[in-house]
Amino acid sequence: MELRPTRVEDAEGVADLQRECFPEPFPADQLFQPKHILSHLAKFPEAQWVVTDGEVVVASCTNMLVSSQAFDDHWSWEKTTGGLALGHHNQEGTVLYGVDISVHPRARRLGLARRLYQARLDWASQNGKSYGTVCRLPGFHSSGFSSPVVYVEAAVRSEVSDPVLTPLLALGLHWEGVVEDYMEDEESGNAGAILKWKA
């Protein structure tokens, strides 16, 4: 499987991958369409990547630049990104913001997410940026914990394992808190864990 920069001709494949990765109850209107992928490539082509298996896109990641202040304010996904077309991308920003990462269910546990994250961290290091994201908490919904904050604190202490947060902590990202009402995401209790990395 090949990791490479996203191309214009990948737009349909990346959009198709979204629904495979984020089935209901994740809202369909929060998924990228081909026009959004083309917008990302027009704004910031140097930091969008896919993994392909032959001609098929099996994993992708979407990124943008934000200012340190914008990241530290910990806004909602919509306010931070400016929407699906990434209208708030700031070419002068100092934080590479991880907007999305998607791996096809049939291609999971092959290390593809780790490869995409390493591409992000390598780019940030090479370009003098830090890396930040707010990650989903898909394990919260069925965890029995009283709130996303309590759940994340347990995951940070390795008392529970979340399928998204736990691997990111293992990559060396540092937990900095929880954003309540980050996005409409029932599985995550509408919250996300703030993670940051600096070379």
Protein backbone atom coordinates (compact mmCIF):
# COMPACT_ATOMS: atom_id res chain seq x y z
CA MET A 1 0.00 0.00 0.00
CA GLU A 2 1.33 3.40 -1.03
CA LEU A 3 1.33 6.54 1.11
CA ARG A 4 1.44 9.64 -1.08
CA PRO A 5 0.13 13.22 -1.35
CA THR A 6 -3.55 13.52 -2.20
CA ARG A 7 -4.26 14.38 -5.84
CA VAL A 8 -7.23 15.99 -7.56
CA GLU A 9 -8.21 12.62 -9.01
CA ASP A 10 -8.48 11.19 -5.47
CA ALA A 11 -11.39 13.47 -4.51
CA GLU A 12 -14.12 10.92 -5.24
CA GLY A 13 -12.25 8.13 -3.48
CA VAL A 14 -11.60 10.20 -0.36
CA ALA A 15 -15.26 11.22 -0.21
CA ASP A 16 -16.41 7.60 -0.65
CA LEU A 17 -14.10 6.58 2.18
CA GLN A 18 -15.80 9.00 4.58
CA ARG A 19 -19.10 7.11 4.77
CA GLU A 20 -17.31 3.77 5.12
CA CYS A 21 -15.42 5.16 8.10
CA PHE A 22 -18.18 7.20 9.73
CA PRO A 23 -21.48 5.33 9.39
CA GLU A 24 -24.67 6.42 11.11
CA PRO A 25 -25.29 7.79 13.70
CA PHE A 26 -22.47 10.12 12.55
CA PRO A 27 -24.26 12.89 10.61
CA ALA A 28 -23.92 12.58 6.83
CA ASP A 29 -23.87 16.36 6.43
CA GLN A 30 -20.57 16.47 8.35
CA LEU A 31 -18.77 14.27 5.82
CA PHE A 32 -16.50 15.59 3.07
CA GLN A 33 -17.81 15.59 -0.49
CA PRO A 34 -15.52 15.71 -3.56
CA LYS A 35 -15.90 19.50 -3.80
CA HIS A 36 -14.53 19.83 -0.27
CA ILE A 37 -11.49 17.70 -1.05
CA LEU A 38 -10.80 19.90 -4.07
CA SER A 39 -11.02 22.95 -1.82
CA HIS A 40 -8.48 21.44 0.60
CA LEU A 41 -6.10 20.79 -2.28
CA ALA A 42 -6.51 24.32 -3.59
CA LYS A 43 -5.79 25.84 -0.17
CA PHE A 44 -3.11 23.54 1.25
CA PRO A 45 -1.97 20.78 -1.12
CA GLU A 46 1.35 20.13 0.61
CA ALA A 47 -0.20 18.52 3.71
CA GLN A 48 -2.98 16.23 2.47
CA TRP A 49 -2.22 12.52 2.18
CA VAL A 50 -3.82 9.25 1.13
CA VAL A 51 -2.91 5.59 1.28
CA THR A 52 -3.91 3.62 -1.80
CA ASP A 53 -4.24 -0.09 -2.46
CA GLY A 54 -3.85 -0.19 -6.21
CA GLU A 55 -6.30 2.45 -7.44
CA VAL A 56 -8.46 2.42 -4.30
CA VAL A 57 -8.11 5.01 -1.53
CA VAL A 58 -8.10 3.02 1.73
CA ALA A 59 -6.96 5.78 4.10
CA SER A 60 -6.67 9.55 4.07
CA CYS A 61 -5.95 12.52 6.27
CA THR A 62 -6.95 16.16 6.00
CA ASN A 63 -5.01 19.02 7.55
CA MET A 64 -4.89 22.80 7.74
CA LEU A 65 -2.86 25.51 9.44
CA VAL A 66 -4.19 27.58 12.32
CA SER A 67 -2.61 30.16 14.59
CA SER A 68 -1.42 29.17 18.04
CA GLN A 69 -4.09 31.43 19.50
CA ALA A 70 -6.86 29.80 17.48
CA PHE A 71 -5.74 26.36 18.64
CA ASP A 72 -5.35 27.41 22.28
CA ASP A 73 -8.87 28.91 22.27
CA HIS A 74 -10.22 25.36 21.69
CA TRP A 75 -13.22 26.32 19.62
CA SER A 76 -15.72 23.91 18.12
CA TRP A 77 -14.78 21.97 14.97
CA GLU A 78 -16.92 24.28 12.84
CA LYS A 79 -15.47 27.49 14.23
CA THR A 80 -11.89 26.21 14.07
CA THR A 81 -12.03 24.87 10.53
CA GLY A 82 -14.52 27.24 8.93
CA GLY A 83 -16.56 24.27 7.74
CA LEU A 84 -16.03 21.35 5.41
CA ALA A 85 -14.14 23.46 2.85
CA LEU A 86 -11.67 24.58 5.56
CA GLY A 87 -12.47 28.24 5.11
CA HIS A 88 -10.36 29.23 8.15
CA HIS A 89 -7.10 27.74 6.86
CA ASN A 90 -4.36 30.23 7.74
CA GLN A 91 -1.27 29.86 5.57
CA GLU A 92 0.73 31.79 8.18
CA GLY A 93 -0.46 29.55 11.02
CA THR A 94 2.07 27.86 13.30
CA VAL A 95 -0.01 24.78 14.21
CA LEU A 96 -0.70 21.97 11.76
CA TYR A 97 -4.25 21.08 12.71
CA GLY A 98 -5.37 17.50 12.12
CA VAL A 99 -8.88 17.90 10.75
CA ASP A 100 -9.69 14.32 9.83
CA ILE A 101 -8.19 10.87 9.49
CA SER A 102 -10.04 7.98 7.87
CA VAL A 103 -9.05 4.32 7.46
CA HIS A 104 -11.35 1.87 5.70
CA PRO A 105 -12.68 -0.73 8.17
CA ARG A 106 -11.17 -3.54 6.08
CA ALA A 107 -7.74 -1.87 6.19
CA ARG A 108 -7.54 -1.24 9.93
CA ARG A 109 -4.88 -2.75 12.18
CA LEU A 110 -2.36 -2.51 9.36
CA GLY A 111 -0.59 0.56 10.71
CA LEU A 112 -2.06 2.95 8.12
CA ALA A 113 -3.22 5.54 10.65
CA ARG A 114 0.23 5.51 12.21
CA ARG A 115 1.81 6.10 8.80
CA LEU A 116 -0.50 9.05 8.16
CA TYR A 117 0.21 10.51 11.59
CA GLN A 118 3.92 10.13 11.01
CA ALA A 119 3.55 12.04 7.72
CA ARG A 120 1.84 14.83 9.66
CA LEU A 121 4.49 14.96 12.38
CA ASP A 122 7.33 14.80 9.88
CA TRP A 123 5.82 17.69 7.88
CA ALA A 124 5.32 19.75 11.03
CA SER A 125 8.89 19.12 12.17
CA GLN A 126 10.36 19.92 8.76
CA ASN A 127 8.38 23.15 8.50
CA GLY A 128 8.87 24.45 12.03
CA LYS A 129 5.28 23.86 13.13
CA SER A 130 3.70 22.16 16.10
CA TYR A 131 0.88 19.67 15.59
CA GLY A 132 -2.50 19.78 17.28
CA THR A 133 -5.85 18.10 16.97
CA VAL A 134 -9.06 17.39 18.82
CA CYS A 135 -9.80 13.70 18.54
CA ARG A 136 -13.06 11.78 18.63
CA LEU A 137 -13.90 9.50 21.55
CA PRO A 138 -15.86 6.67 19.92
CA GLY A 139 -15.51 4.41 22.95
CA PHE A 140 -17.32 6.83 25.26
CA HIS A 141 -20.86 6.00 24.13
CA SER A 142 -20.73 2.41 25.40
CA SER A 143 -18.28 2.98 28.27
CA GLY A 144 -20.71 3.70 31.09
CA PHE A 145 -18.69 6.73 32.20
CA SER A 146 -20.64 9.75 33.42
CA SER A 147 -19.04 12.30 31.10
CA PRO A 148 -16.45 12.56 28.31
CA VAL A 149 -14.06 14.31 30.73
CA VAL A 150 -14.15 11.42 33.21
CA TYR A 151 -13.77 8.95 30.33
CA VAL A 152 -10.76 10.75 28.85
CA GLU A 153 -9.07 11.02 32.24
CA ALA A 154 -9.46 7.24 32.63
CA ALA A 155 -8.02 6.68 29.14
CA VAL A 156 -5.04 8.91 29.91
CA ARG A 157 -4.40 6.81 33.02
CA SER A 158 -4.65 3.67 30.82
CA GLU A 159 -7.63 2.43 32.78
CA VAL A 160 -9.69 2.16 29.59
CA SER A 161 -8.70 1.95 25.94
CA ASP A 162 -10.33 4.21 23.37
CA PRO A 163 -9.87 3.17 19.71
CA VAL A 164 -8.84 6.69 18.67
CA LEU A 165 -7.40 8.42 21.74
CA THR A 166 -5.27 5.56 23.10
CA PRO A 167 -3.16 5.05 19.93
CA LEU A 168 -2.56 8.80 19.66
CA LEU A 169 -1.28 8.98 23.20
CA ALA A 170 1.04 6.08 22.33
CA LEU A 171 2.41 8.15 19.43
CA GLY A 172 3.61 10.77 21.90
CA LEU A 173 0.82 13.31 21.62
CA HIS A 174 0.07 15.09 24.89
CA TRP A 175 -3.42 15.46 26.28
CA GLU A 176 -4.36 19.06 27.10
CA GLY A 177 -8.04 18.85 27.99
CA VAL A 178 -11.51 18.21 26.57
CA VAL A 179 -13.64 20.40 24.31
CA GLU A 180 -17.31 20.04 25.15
CA ASP A 181 -19.75 20.49 22.24
CA TYR A 182 -16.90 20.09 19.76
CA MET A 183 -19.14 18.62 17.07
CA GLU A 184 -22.37 16.70 16.69
CA ASP A 185 -21.07 13.21 17.45
CA GLU A 186 -23.25 10.96 19.59
CA GLU A 187 -20.56 8.29 20.11
CA SER A 188 -18.19 10.89 21.58
CA GLY A 189 -20.77 12.66 23.69
CA ASN A 190 -20.26 15.59 21.27
CA ALA A 191 -16.84 16.13 22.87
CA GLY A 192 -13.22 15.72 21.80
CA ALA A 193 -9.84 15.34 23.48
CA ILE A 194 -7.30 18.11 22.87
CA LEU A 195 -3.92 16.69 21.82
CA LYS A 196 -0.71 18.49 20.90
CA TRP A 197 2.78 17.53 19.76
CA LYS A 198 5.93 19.53 19.27
CA ALA A 199 9.26 18.35 17.90
